[in-house]
Amino acid sequence: MARNNFGGFGGMGGGNMQQLMRQAQKLQEQMAKTQEELDEREYTAQAGGGMVSVTVTGKRELKELLIKPECVDPEDVDMLQDMILAAVNEALRKGEETRNAEMAKMAPGMGGMF
């Protein structure tokens, strides 16, 4: 009886397939560990020359928001809101860039998928 070679995998013996599966399992474990480490990292950004500072986690959660009292102007709340948005978005962008770069190291060409 002819052996099923799984179509395009005709040249791969059972040992090669097992090795490929072990490599895939190892990569999956490394990726999971890296994901956990990235989730624990913190990213800080400032806006308004340091008047507003924020820290976010790798899980994209706002952890800390610091506002210097001298930037609080009841007549210009819009500026304060803009500074907060700018700082939060910059911290989140830093975190996302780091995540993509770290994941791309393990799976070149797939970094944007994470």
PDB file of N, CA and C in Angstrom:
ATOM      1  N   MET A   1       0.849  -1.171   0.000  1.00  0.00           N
ATOM      2  CA  MET A   1       0.000   0.000   0.000  1.00  0.00           C
ATOM      3  C   MET A   1       0.894   1.233   0.000  1.00  0.00           C
ATOM      4  N   ALA A   2       0.525   2.236  -0.790  1.00  0.00           N
ATOM      5  CA  ALA A   2       1.326   3.459  -0.890  1.00  0.00           C
ATOM      6  C   ALA A   2       1.184   4.283   0.373  1.00  0.00           C
ATOM      7  N   ARG A   3       2.262   4.919   0.737  1.00  0.00           N
ATOM      8  CA  ARG A   3       2.279   5.749   1.938  1.00  0.00           C
ATOM      9  C   ARG A   3       1.788   7.155   1.591  1.00  0.00           C
ATOM     10  N   ASN A   4       0.953   7.741   2.444  1.00  0.00           N
ATOM     11  CA  ASN A   4       0.441   9.091   2.222  1.00  0.00           C
ATOM     12  C   ASN A   4       1.543  10.078   2.585  1.00  0.00           C
ATOM     13  N   ASN A   5       1.992  10.864   1.607  1.00  0.00           N
ATOM     14  CA  ASN A   5       3.067  11.818   1.830  1.00  0.00           C
ATOM     15  C   ASN A   5       2.568  13.231   2.011  1.00  0.00           C
ATOM     16  N   PHE A   6       1.296  13.419   2.247  1.00  0.00           N
ATOM     17  CA  PHE A   6       0.702  14.728   2.493  1.00  0.00           C
ATOM     18  C   PHE A   6       0.983  15.708   1.362  1.00  0.00           C
ATOM     19  N   GLY A   7       0.775  15.284   0.154  1.00  0.00           N
ATOM     20  CA  GLY A   7       0.882  16.175  -0.999  1.00  0.00           C
ATOM     21  C   GLY A   7       2.264  16.772  -1.140  1.00  0.00           C
ATOM     22  N   GLY A   8       2.401  18.055  -0.900  1.00  0.00           N
ATOM     23  CA  GLY A   8       3.640  18.786  -1.098  1.00  0.00           C
ATOM     24  C   GLY A   8       4.734  18.427  -0.119  1.00  0.00           C
ATOM     25  N   PHE A   9       4.449  17.588   0.858  1.00  0.00           N
ATOM     26  CA  PHE A   9       5.456  17.213   1.839  1.00  0.00           C
ATOM     27  C   PHE A   9       6.117  15.889   1.482  1.00  0.00           C
ATOM     28  N   GLY A  10       6.070  15.499   0.212  1.00  0.00           N
ATOM     29  CA  GLY A  10       6.581  14.203  -0.226  1.00  0.00           C
ATOM     30  C   GLY A  10       7.997  13.935   0.204  1.00  0.00           C
ATOM     31  N   GLY A  11       8.860  14.945   0.218  1.00  0.00           N
ATOM     32  CA  GLY A  11      10.254  14.752   0.571  1.00  0.00           C
ATOM     33  C   GLY A  11      10.508  14.727   2.063  1.00  0.00           C
ATOM     34  N   MET A  12       9.519  15.035   2.867  1.00  0.00           N
ATOM     35  CA  MET A  12       9.731  15.097   4.313  1.00  0.00           C
ATOM     36  C   MET A  12       9.388  13.764   4.945  1.00  0.00           C
ATOM     37  N   GLY A  13      10.344  13.165   5.613  1.00  0.00           N
ATOM     38  CA  GLY A  13      10.074  11.936   6.340  1.00  0.00           C
ATOM     39  C   GLY A  13       9.458  12.248   7.677  1.00  0.00           C
ATOM     40  N   GLY A  14       9.075  11.208   8.406  1.00  0.00           N
ATOM     41  CA  GLY A  14       8.451  11.392   9.711  1.00  0.00           C
ATOM     42  C   GLY A  14       9.344  12.138  10.689  1.00  0.00           C
ATOM     43  N   GLY A  15      10.653  11.866  10.622  1.00  0.00           N
ATOM     44  CA  GLY A  15      11.591  12.538  11.534  1.00  0.00           C
ATOM     45  C   GLY A  15      11.652  14.035  11.288  1.00  0.00           C
ATOM     46  N   ASN A  16      11.654  14.426  10.032  1.00  0.00           N
ATOM     47  CA  ASN A  16      11.692  15.847   9.704  1.00  0.00           C
ATOM     48  C   ASN A  16      10.428  16.547  10.175  1.00  0.00           C
ATOM     49  N   MET A  17       9.298  15.896  10.037  1.00  0.00           N
ATOM     50  CA  MET A  17       8.027  16.483  10.471  1.00  0.00           C
ATOM     51  C   MET A  17       8.017  16.647  11.983  1.00  0.00           C
ATOM     52  N   GLN A  18       8.546  15.651  12.698  1.00  0.00           N
ATOM     53  CA  GLN A  18       8.615  15.755  14.154  1.00  0.00           C
ATOM     54  C   GLN A  18       9.541  16.885  14.575  1.00  0.00           C
ATOM     55  N   GLN A  19      10.661  17.044  13.878  1.00  0.00           N
ATOM     56  CA  GLN A  19      11.588  18.128  14.183  1.00  0.00           C
ATOM     57  C   GLN A  19      10.922  19.473  13.930  1.00  0.00           C
ATOM     58  N   LEU A  20      10.200  19.582  12.852  1.00  0.00           N
ATOM     59  CA  LEU A  20       9.480  20.808  12.531  1.00  0.00           C
ATOM     60  C   LEU A  20       8.436  21.115  13.602  1.00  0.00           C
ATOM     61  N   MET A  21       7.744  20.122  14.068  1.00  0.00           N
ATOM     62  CA  MET A  21       6.731  20.309  15.114  1.00  0.00           C
ATOM     63  C   MET A  21       7.392  20.754  16.425  1.00  0.00           C
ATOM     64  N   ARG A  22       8.555  20.171  16.750  1.00  0.00           N
ATOM     65  CA  ARG A  22       9.271  20.578  17.972  1.00  0.00           C
ATOM     66  C   ARG A  22       9.719  22.036  17.868  1.00  0.00           C
ATOM     67  N   GLN A  23      10.209  22.425  16.692  1.00  0.00           N
ATOM     68  CA  GLN A  23      10.635  23.810  16.498  1.00  0.00           C
ATOM     69  C   GLN A  23       9.449  24.757  16.623  1.00  0.00           C
ATOM     70  N   ALA A  24       8.306  24.371  16.065  1.00  0.00           N
ATOM     71  CA  ALA A  24       7.105  25.205  16.161  1.00  0.00           C
ATOM     72  C   ALA A  24       6.661  25.331  17.617  1.00  0.00           C
ATOM     73  N   GLN A  25       6.727  24.246  18.365  1.00  0.00           N
ATOM     74  CA  GLN A  25       6.348  24.257  19.778  1.00  0.00           C
ATOM     75  C   GLN A  25       7.289  25.174  20.562  1.00  0.00           C
ATOM     76  N   LYS A  26       8.586  25.085  20.279  1.00  0.00           N
ATOM     77  CA  LYS A  26       9.568  25.926  20.966  1.00  0.00           C
ATOM     78  C   LYS A  26       9.319  27.400  20.655  1.00  0.00           C
ATOM     79  N   LEU A  27       9.052  27.708  19.394  1.00  0.00           N
ATOM     80  CA  LEU A  27       8.767  29.092  19.009  1.00  0.00           C
ATOM     81  C   LEU A  27       7.512  29.587  19.710  1.00  0.00           C
ATOM     82  N   GLN A  28       6.498  28.749  19.789  1.00  0.00           N
ATOM     83  CA  GLN A  28       5.253  29.129  20.461  1.00  0.00           C
ATOM     84  C   GLN A  28       5.510  29.422  21.939  1.00  0.00           C
ATOM     85  N   GLU A  29       6.328  28.620  22.591  1.00  0.00           N
ATOM     86  CA  GLU A  29       6.650  28.836  23.999  1.00  0.00           C
ATOM     87  C   GLU A  29       7.439  30.135  24.185  1.00  0.00           C
ATOM     88  N   GLN A  30       8.408  30.390  23.288  1.00  0.00           N
ATOM     89  CA  GLN A  30       9.186  31.621  23.366  1.00  0.00           C
ATOM     90  C   GLN A  30       8.287  32.836  23.161  1.00  0.00           C
ATOM     91  N   MET A  31       7.361  32.743  22.230  1.00  0.00           N
ATOM     92  CA  MET A  31       6.460  33.855  21.954  1.00  0.00           C
ATOM     93  C   MET A  31       5.557  34.126  23.157  1.00  0.00           C
ATOM     94  N   ALA A  32       5.067  33.077  23.791  1.00  0.00           N
ATOM     95  CA  ALA A  32       4.212  33.243  24.968  1.00  0.00           C
ATOM     96  C   ALA A  32       5.000  33.912  26.107  1.00  0.00           C
ATOM     97  N   LYS A  33       6.245  33.486  26.303  1.00  0.00           N
ATOM     98  CA  LYS A  33       7.081  34.085  27.350  1.00  0.00           C
ATOM     99  C   LYS A  33       7.343  35.560  27.044  1.00  0.00           C
ATOM    100  N   THR A  34       7.643  35.852  25.799  1.00  0.00           N
ATOM    101  CA  THR A  34       7.894  37.241  25.411  1.00  0.00           C
ATOM    102  C   THR A  34       6.641  38.083  25.593  1.00  0.00           C
ATOM    103  N   GLN A  35       5.483  37.538  25.244  1.00  0.00           N
ATOM    104  CA  GLN A  35       4.216  38.256  25.443  1.00  0.00           C
ATOM    105  C   GLN A  35       4.042  38.618  26.913  1.00  0.00           C
ATOM    106  N   GLU A  36       4.306  37.664  27.794  1.00  0.00           N
ATOM    107  CA  GLU A  36       4.172  37.920  29.236  1.00  0.00           C
ATOM    108  C   GLU A  36       5.129  39.028  29.682  1.00  0.00           C
ATOM    109  N   GLU A  37       6.386  38.953  29.218  1.00  0.00           N
ATOM    110  CA  GLU A  37       7.363  39.969  29.591  1.00  0.00           C
ATOM    111  C   GLU A  37       6.955  41.347  29.071  1.00  0.00           C
ATOM    112  N   LEU A  38       6.448  41.395  27.854  1.00  0.00           N
ATOM    113  CA  LEU A  38       6.018  42.668  27.279  1.00  0.00           C
ATOM    114  C   LEU A  38       4.814  43.234  28.028  1.00  0.00           C
ATOM    115  N   ASP A  39       3.913  42.366  28.472  1.00  0.00           N
ATOM    116  CA  ASP A  39       2.745  42.812  29.230  1.00  0.00           C
ATOM    117  C   ASP A  39       3.151  43.460  30.556  1.00  0.00           C
ATOM    118  N   GLU A  40       4.293  43.029  31.126  1.00  0.00           N
ATOM    119  CA  GLU A  40       4.748  43.552  32.407  1.00  0.00           C
ATOM    120  C   GLU A  40       5.521  44.866  32.280  1.00  0.00           C
ATOM    121  N   ARG A  41       5.979  45.201  31.090  1.00  0.00           N
ATOM    122  CA  ARG A  41       6.755  46.435  30.910  1.00  0.00           C
ATOM    123  C   ARG A  41       5.875  47.666  31.080  1.00  0.00           C
ATOM    124  N   GLU A  42       6.563  48.778  31.381  1.00  0.00           N
ATOM    125  CA  GLU A  42       5.875  50.061  31.511  1.00  0.00           C
ATOM    126  C   GLU A  42       6.502  51.062  30.552  1.00  0.00           C
ATOM    127  N   TYR A  43       5.676  51.951  30.031  1.00  0.00           N
ATOM    128  CA  TYR A  43       6.116  52.964  29.073  1.00  0.00           C
ATOM    129  C   TYR A  43       5.621  54.322  29.557  1.00  0.00           C
ATOM    130  N   THR A  44       6.528  55.288  29.604  1.00  0.00           N
ATOM    131  CA  THR A  44       6.191  56.618  30.091  1.00  0.00           C
ATOM    132  C   THR A  44       6.407  57.629  28.978  1.00  0.00           C
ATOM    133  N   ALA A  45       5.514  58.597  28.893  1.00  0.00           N
ATOM    134  CA  ALA A  45       5.637  59.680  27.924  1.00  0.00           C
ATOM    135  C   ALA A  45       5.155  60.963  28.580  1.00  0.00           C
ATOM    136  N   GLN A  46       5.649  62.075  28.034  1.00  0.00           N
ATOM    137  CA  GLN A  46       5.282  63.390  28.565  1.00  0.00           C
ATOM    138  C   GLN A  46       4.760  64.274  27.442  1.00  0.00           C
ATOM    139  N   ALA A  47       4.037  65.296  27.837  1.00  0.00           N
ATOM    140  CA  ALA A  47       3.546  66.300  26.891  1.00  0.00           C
ATOM    141  C   ALA A  47       3.600  67.655  27.579  1.00  0.00           C
ATOM    142  N   GLY A  48       3.562  68.704  26.765  1.00  0.00           N
ATOM    143  CA  GLY A  48       3.574  70.055  27.327  1.00  0.00           C
ATOM    144  C   GLY A  48       4.862  70.358  28.059  1.00  0.00           C
ATOM    145  N   GLY A  49       5.984  69.869  27.527  1.00  0.00           N
ATOM    146  CA  GLY A  49       7.260  70.137  28.190  1.00  0.00           C
ATOM    147  C   GLY A  49       7.365  69.504  29.559  1.00  0.00           C
ATOM    148  N   GLY A  50       6.707  68.380  29.767  1.00  0.00           N
ATOM    149  CA  GLY A  50       6.758  67.688  31.048  1.00  0.00           C
ATOM    150  C   GLY A  50       5.641  68.057  31.993  1.00  0.00           C
ATOM    151  N   MET A  51       4.720  68.896  31.548  1.00  0.00           N
ATOM    152  CA  MET A  51       3.598  69.293  32.410  1.00  0.00           C
ATOM    153  C   MET A  51       2.667  68.115  32.692  1.00  0.00           C
ATOM    154  N   VAL A  52       2.553  67.216  31.720  1.00  0.00           N
ATOM    155  CA  VAL A  52       1.726  66.025  31.880  1.00  0.00           C
ATOM    156  C   VAL A  52       2.618  64.820  31.601  1.00  0.00           C
ATOM    157  N   SER A  53       2.570  63.839  32.490  1.00  0.00           N
ATOM    158  CA  SER A  53       3.343  62.615  32.329  1.00  0.00           C
ATOM    159  C   SER A  53       2.416  61.432  32.579  1.00  0.00           C
ATOM    160  N   VAL A  54       2.514  60.426  31.715  1.00  0.00           N
ATOM    161  CA  VAL A  54       1.679  59.241  31.884  1.00  0.00           C
ATOM    162  C   VAL A  54       2.545  57.991  31.788  1.00  0.00           C
ATOM    163  N   THR A  55       2.097  56.953  32.448  1.00  0.00           N
ATOM    164  CA  THR A  55       2.737  55.647  32.359  1.00  0.00           C
ATOM    165  C   THR A  55       1.652  54.631  32.024  1.00  0.00           C
ATOM    166  N   VAL A  56       1.921  53.821  31.009  1.00  0.00           N
ATOM    167  CA  VAL A  56       1.003  52.752  30.628  1.00  0.00           C
ATOM    168  C   VAL A  56       1.753  51.425  30.732  1.00  0.00           C
ATOM    169  N   THR A  57       0.993  50.350  30.868  1.00  0.00           N
ATOM    170  CA  THR A  57       1.588  49.022  30.912  1.00  0.00           C
ATOM    171  C   THR A  57       1.576  48.416  29.515  1.00  0.00           C
ATOM    172  N   GLY A  58       2.300  47.328  29.375  1.00  0.00           N
ATOM    173  CA  GLY A  58       2.307  46.596  28.116  1.00  0.00           C
ATOM    174  C   GLY A  58       0.948  46.023  27.774  1.00  0.00           C
ATOM    175  N   LYS A  59       0.067  45.974  28.745  1.00  0.00           N
ATOM    176  CA  LYS A  59      -1.312  45.512  28.498  1.00  0.00           C
ATOM    177  C   LYS A  59      -2.205  46.653  28.040  1.00  0.00           C
ATOM    178  N   ARG A  60      -1.565  47.815  27.784  1.00  0.00           N
ATOM    179  CA  ARG A  60      -2.261  49.003  27.291  1.00  0.00           C
ATOM    180  C   ARG A  60      -3.237  49.576  28.331  1.00  0.00           C
ATOM    181  N   GLU A  61      -2.810  49.527  29.588  1.00  0.00           N
ATOM    182  CA  GLU A  61      -3.605  50.092  30.673  1.00  0.00           C
ATOM    183  C   GLU A  61      -2.885  51.320  31.220  1.00  0.00           C
ATOM    184  N   LEU A  62      -3.626  52.381  31.468  1.00  0.00           N
ATOM    185  CA  LEU A  62      -3.072  53.591  32.058  1.00  0.00           C
ATOM    186  C   LEU A  62      -2.785  53.305  33.526  1.00  0.00           C
ATOM    187  N   LYS A  63      -1.517  53.437  33.915  1.00  0.00           N
ATOM    188  CA  LYS A  63      -1.123  53.115  35.284  1.00  0.00           C
ATOM    189  C   LYS A  63      -0.961  54.370  36.128  1.00  0.00           C
ATOM    190  N   GLU A  64      -0.421  55.436  35.524  1.00  0.00           N
ATOM    191  CA  GLU A  64      -0.171  56.645  36.294  1.00  0.00           C
ATOM    192  C   GLU A  64      -0.375  57.865  35.408  1.00  0.00           C
ATOM    193  N   LEU A  65      -0.956  58.895  35.988  1.00  0.00           N
ATOM    194  CA  LEU A  65      -1.160  60.174  35.316  1.00  0.00           C
ATOM    195  C   LEU A  65      -0.726  61.266  36.279  1.00  0.00           C
ATOM    196  N   LEU A  66       0.309  62.019  35.877  1.00  0.00           N
ATOM    197  CA  LEU A  66       0.807  63.114  36.712  1.00  0.00           C
ATOM    198  C   LEU A  66       0.589  64.435  35.980  1.00  0.00           C
ATOM    199  N   ILE A  67       0.012  65.397  36.683  1.00  0.00           N
ATOM    200  CA  ILE A  67      -0.234  66.723  36.117  1.00  0.00           C
ATOM    201  C   ILE A  67       0.386  67.749  37.058  1.00  0.00           C
ATOM    202  N   LYS A  68       1.299  68.557  36.528  1.00  0.00           N
ATOM    203  CA  LYS A  68       1.903  69.601  37.353  1.00  0.00           C
ATOM    204  C   LYS A  68       0.859  70.682  37.609  1.00  0.00           C
ATOM    205  N   PRO A  69       0.727  71.098  38.853  1.00  0.00           N
ATOM    206  CA  PRO A  69      -0.314  72.076  39.218  1.00  0.00           C
ATOM    207  C   PRO A  69      -0.257  73.362  38.403  1.00  0.00           C
ATOM    208  N   GLU A  70       0.945  73.790  38.024  1.00  0.00           N
ATOM    209  CA  GLU A  70       1.051  75.058  37.306  1.00  0.00           C
ATOM    210  C   GLU A  70       0.440  75.024  35.904  1.00  0.00           C
ATOM    211  N   CYS A  71       0.143  73.826  35.390  1.00  0.00           N
ATOM    212  CA  CYS A  71      -0.467  73.778  34.052  1.00  0.00           C
ATOM    213  C   CYS A  71      -1.995  73.739  34.117  1.00  0.00           C
ATOM    214  N   VAL A  72      -2.539  73.694  35.320  1.00  0.00           N
ATOM    215  CA  VAL A  72      -3.986  73.650  35.465  1.00  0.00           C
ATOM    216  C   VAL A  72      -4.533  75.079  35.433  1.00  0.00           C
ATOM    217  N   ASP A  73      -5.159  75.397  34.316  1.00  0.00           N
ATOM    218  CA  ASP A  73      -5.744  76.721  34.113  1.00  0.00           C
ATOM    219  C   ASP A  73      -7.238  76.524  33.857  1.00  0.00           C
ATOM    220  N   PRO A  74      -8.077  76.914  34.795  1.00  0.00           N
ATOM    221  CA  PRO A  74      -9.526  76.723  34.617  1.00  0.00           C
ATOM    222  C   PRO A  74     -10.057  77.386  33.341  1.00  0.00           C
ATOM    223  N   GLU A  75      -9.325  78.362  32.837  1.00  0.00           N
ATOM    224  CA  GLU A  75      -9.755  79.057  31.622  1.00  0.00           C
ATOM    225  C   GLU A  75      -9.332  78.309  30.354  1.00  0.00           C
ATOM    226  N   ASP A  76      -8.454  77.308  30.506  1.00  0.00           N
ATOM    227  CA  ASP A  76      -7.952  76.605  29.325  1.00  0.00           C
ATOM    228  C   ASP A  76      -7.893  75.096  29.574  1.00  0.00           C
ATOM    229  N   VAL A  77      -9.029  74.516  29.887  1.00  0.00           N
ATOM    230  CA  VAL A  77      -9.117  73.077  30.129  1.00  0.00           C
ATOM    231  C   VAL A  77      -8.801  72.301  28.848  1.00  0.00           C
ATOM    232  N   ASP A  78      -9.124  72.880  27.696  1.00  0.00           N
ATOM    233  CA  ASP A  78      -8.873  72.207  26.424  1.00  0.00           C
ATOM    234  C   ASP A  78      -7.390  71.866  26.256  1.00  0.00           C
ATOM    235  N   MET A  79      -6.510  72.780  26.632  1.00  0.00           N
ATOM    236  CA  MET A  79      -5.079  72.523  26.489  1.00  0.00           C
ATOM    237  C   MET A  79      -4.645  71.369  27.376  1.00  0.00           C
ATOM    238  N   LEU A  80      -5.146  71.326  28.603  1.00  0.00           N
ATOM    239  CA  LEU A  80      -4.810  70.237  29.512  1.00  0.00           C
ATOM    240  C   LEU A  80      -5.286  68.909  28.931  1.00  0.00           C
ATOM    241  N   GLN A  81      -6.485  68.877  28.407  1.00  0.00           N
ATOM    242  CA  GLN A  81      -7.006  67.657  27.806  1.00  0.00           C
ATOM    243  C   GLN A  81      -6.140  67.222  26.623  1.00  0.00           C
ATOM    244  N   ASP A  82      -5.724  68.165  25.810  1.00  0.00           N
ATOM    245  CA  ASP A  82      -4.864  67.854  24.663  1.00  0.00           C
ATOM    246  C   ASP A  82      -3.524  67.280  25.109  1.00  0.00           C
ATOM    247  N   MET A  83      -2.953  67.856  26.177  1.00  0.00           N
ATOM    248  CA  MET A  83      -1.675  67.346  26.683  1.00  0.00           C
ATOM    249  C   MET A  83      -1.824  65.922  27.206  1.00  0.00           C
ATOM    250  N   ILE A  84      -2.924  65.652  27.898  1.00  0.00           N
ATOM    251  CA  ILE A  84      -3.162  64.302  28.420  1.00  0.00           C
ATOM    252  C   ILE A  84      -3.303  63.314  27.268  1.00  0.00           C
ATOM    253  N   LEU A  85      -4.101  63.658  26.281  1.00  0.00           N
ATOM    254  CA  LEU A  85      -4.268  62.780  25.123  1.00  0.00           C
ATOM    255  C   LEU A  85      -2.943  62.530  24.419  1.00  0.00           C
ATOM    256  N   ALA A  86      -2.165  63.579  24.229  1.00  0.00           N
ATOM    257  CA  ALA A  86      -0.882  63.438  23.536  1.00  0.00           C
ATOM    258  C   ALA A  86       0.057  62.516  24.310  1.00  0.00           C
ATOM    259  N   ALA A  87       0.128  62.679  25.622  1.00  0.00           N
ATOM    260  CA  ALA A  87       1.023  61.850  26.428  1.00  0.00           C
ATOM    261  C   ALA A  87       0.568  60.394  26.449  1.00  0.00           C
ATOM    262  N   VAL A  88      -0.723  60.159  26.612  1.00  0.00           N
ATOM    263  CA  VAL A  88      -1.242  58.789  26.633  1.00  0.00           C
ATOM    264  C   VAL A  88      -0.983  58.116  25.292  1.00  0.00           C
ATOM    265  N   ASN A  89      -1.296  58.798  24.210  1.00  0.00           N
ATOM    266  CA  ASN A  89      -1.103  58.202  22.892  1.00  0.00           C
ATOM    267  C   ASN A  89       0.364  57.922  22.595  1.00  0.00           C
ATOM    268  N   GLU A  90       1.260  58.778  23.033  1.00  0.00           N
ATOM    269  CA  GLU A  90       2.693  58.553  22.819  1.00  0.00           C
ATOM    270  C   GLU A  90       3.180  57.355  23.627  1.00  0.00           C
ATOM    271  N   ALA A  91       2.741  57.224  24.857  1.00  0.00           N
ATOM    272  CA  ALA A  91       3.134  56.076  25.675  1.00  0.00           C
ATOM    273  C   ALA A  91       2.611  54.777  25.073  1.00  0.00           C
ATOM    274  N   LEU A  92       1.369  54.787  24.605  1.00  0.00           N
ATOM    275  CA  LEU A  92       0.813  53.596  23.963  1.00  0.00           C
ATOM    276  C   LEU A  92       1.565  53.257  22.681  1.00  0.00           C
ATOM    277  N   ARG A  93       1.948  54.283  21.917  1.00  0.00           N
ATOM    278  CA  ARG A  93       2.700  54.056  20.683  1.00  0.00           C
ATOM    279  C   ARG A  93       4.055  53.427  20.988  1.00  0.00           C
ATOM    280  N   LYS A  94       4.732  53.910  22.036  1.00  0.00           N
ATOM    281  CA  LYS A  94       6.020  53.343  22.442  1.00  0.00           C
ATOM    282  C   LYS A  94       5.861  51.856  22.775  1.00  0.00           C
ATOM    283  N   GLY A  95       4.828  51.554  23.523  1.00  0.00           N
ATOM    284  CA  GLY A  95       4.582  50.166  23.901  1.00  0.00           C
ATOM    285  C   GLY A  95       4.319  49.286  22.700  1.00  0.00           C
ATOM    286  N   GLU A  96       3.534  49.774  21.761  1.00  0.00           N
ATOM    287  CA  GLU A  96       3.204  48.998  20.568  1.00  0.00           C
ATOM    288  C   GLU A  96       4.436  48.789  19.691  1.00  0.00           C
ATOM    289  N   GLU A  97       5.251  49.819  19.552  1.00  0.00           N
ATOM    290  CA  GLU A  97       6.489  49.694  18.767  1.00  0.00           C
ATOM    291  C   GLU A  97       7.410  48.649  19.379  1.00  0.00           C
ATOM    292  N   THR A  98       7.549  48.677  20.685  1.00  0.00           N
ATOM    293  CA  THR A  98       8.406  47.708  21.372  1.00  0.00           C
ATOM    294  C   THR A  98       7.865  46.303  21.193  1.00  0.00           C
ATOM    295  N   ARG A  99       6.564  46.144  21.361  1.00  0.00           N
ATOM    296  CA  ARG A  99       5.931  44.829  21.201  1.00  0.00           C
ATOM    297  C   ARG A  99       6.181  44.290  19.799  1.00  0.00           C
ATOM    298  N   ASN A 100       5.933  45.096  18.783  1.00  0.00           N
ATOM    299  CA  ASN A 100       6.122  44.647  17.404  1.00  0.00           C
ATOM    300  C   ASN A 100       7.575  44.300  17.116  1.00  0.00           C
ATOM    301  N   ALA A 101       8.505  45.105  17.627  1.00  0.00           N
ATOM    302  CA  ALA A 101       9.930  44.844  17.395  1.00  0.00           C
ATOM    303  C   ALA A 101      10.365  43.545  18.064  1.00  0.00           C
ATOM    304  N   GLU A 102       9.930  43.308  19.284  1.00  0.00           N
ATOM    305  CA  GLU A 102      10.319  42.095  20.005  1.00  0.00           C
ATOM    306  C   GLU A 102       9.732  40.846  19.350  1.00  0.00           C
ATOM    307  N   MET A 103       8.493  40.917  18.940  1.00  0.00           N
ATOM    308  CA  MET A 103       7.862  39.758  18.312  1.00  0.00           C
ATOM    309  C   MET A 103       8.458  39.497  16.926  1.00  0.00           C
ATOM    310  N   ALA A 104       8.838  40.552  16.221  1.00  0.00           N
ATOM    311  CA  ALA A 104       9.426  40.391  14.895  1.00  0.00           C
ATOM    312  C   ALA A 104      10.782  39.697  14.975  1.00  0.00           C
ATOM    313  N   LYS A 105      11.476  39.858  16.093  1.00  0.00           N
ATOM    314  CA  LYS A 105      12.764  39.182  16.270  1.00  0.00           C
ATOM    315  C   LYS A 105      12.594  37.665  16.249  1.00  0.00           C
ATOM    316  N   MET A 106      11.476  37.190  16.784  1.00  0.00           N
ATOM    317  CA  MET A 106      11.253  35.749  16.859  1.00  0.00           C
ATOM    318  C   MET A 106      10.650  35.193  15.584  1.00  0.00           C
ATOM    319  N   ALA A 107       9.841  35.981  14.925  1.00  0.00           N
ATOM    320  CA  ALA A 107       9.163  35.507  13.714  1.00  0.00           C
ATOM    321  C   ALA A 107       9.239  36.614  12.662  1.00  0.00           C
ATOM    322  N   PRO A 108      10.402  36.762  12.008  1.00  0.00           N
ATOM    323  CA  PRO A 108      10.555  37.816  11.028  1.00  0.00           C
ATOM    324  C   PRO A 108       9.416  37.813  10.005  1.00  0.00           C
ATOM    325  N   GLY A 109       8.911  39.012   9.725  1.00  0.00           N
ATOM    326  CA  GLY A 109       7.816  39.129   8.772  1.00  0.00           C
ATOM    327  C   GLY A 109       6.446  38.995   9.393  1.00  0.00           C
ATOM    328  N   MET A 110       6.392  38.612  10.680  1.00  0.00           N
ATOM    329  CA  MET A 110       5.105  38.425  11.336  1.00  0.00           C
ATOM    330  C   MET A 110       4.879  39.441  12.444  1.00  0.00           C
ATOM    331  N   GLY A 111       5.830  40.356  12.672  1.00  0.00           N
ATOM    332  CA  GLY A 111       5.749  41.304  13.775  1.00  0.00           C
ATOM    333  C   GLY A 111       4.469  42.114  13.789  1.00  0.00           C
ATOM    334  N   GLY A 112       3.964  42.507  12.626  1.00  0.00           N
ATOM    335  CA  GLY A 112       2.748  43.295  12.561  1.00  0.00           C
ATOM    336  C   GLY A 112       1.506  42.536  12.953  1.00  0.00           C
ATOM    337  N   MET A 113       1.622  41.227  13.105  1.00  0.00           N
ATOM    338  CA  MET A 113       0.451  40.419  13.445  1.00  0.00           C
ATOM    339  C   MET A 113       0.130  40.481  14.922  1.00  0.00           C
ATOM    340  N   PHE A 114       1.019  41.038  15.742  1.00  0.00           N
ATOM    341  CA  PHE A 114       0.842  41.006  17.184  1.00  0.00           C
ATOM    342  C   PHE A 114       0.438  42.347  17.629  1.00  0.00           C
TER     343      PHE A 114
END
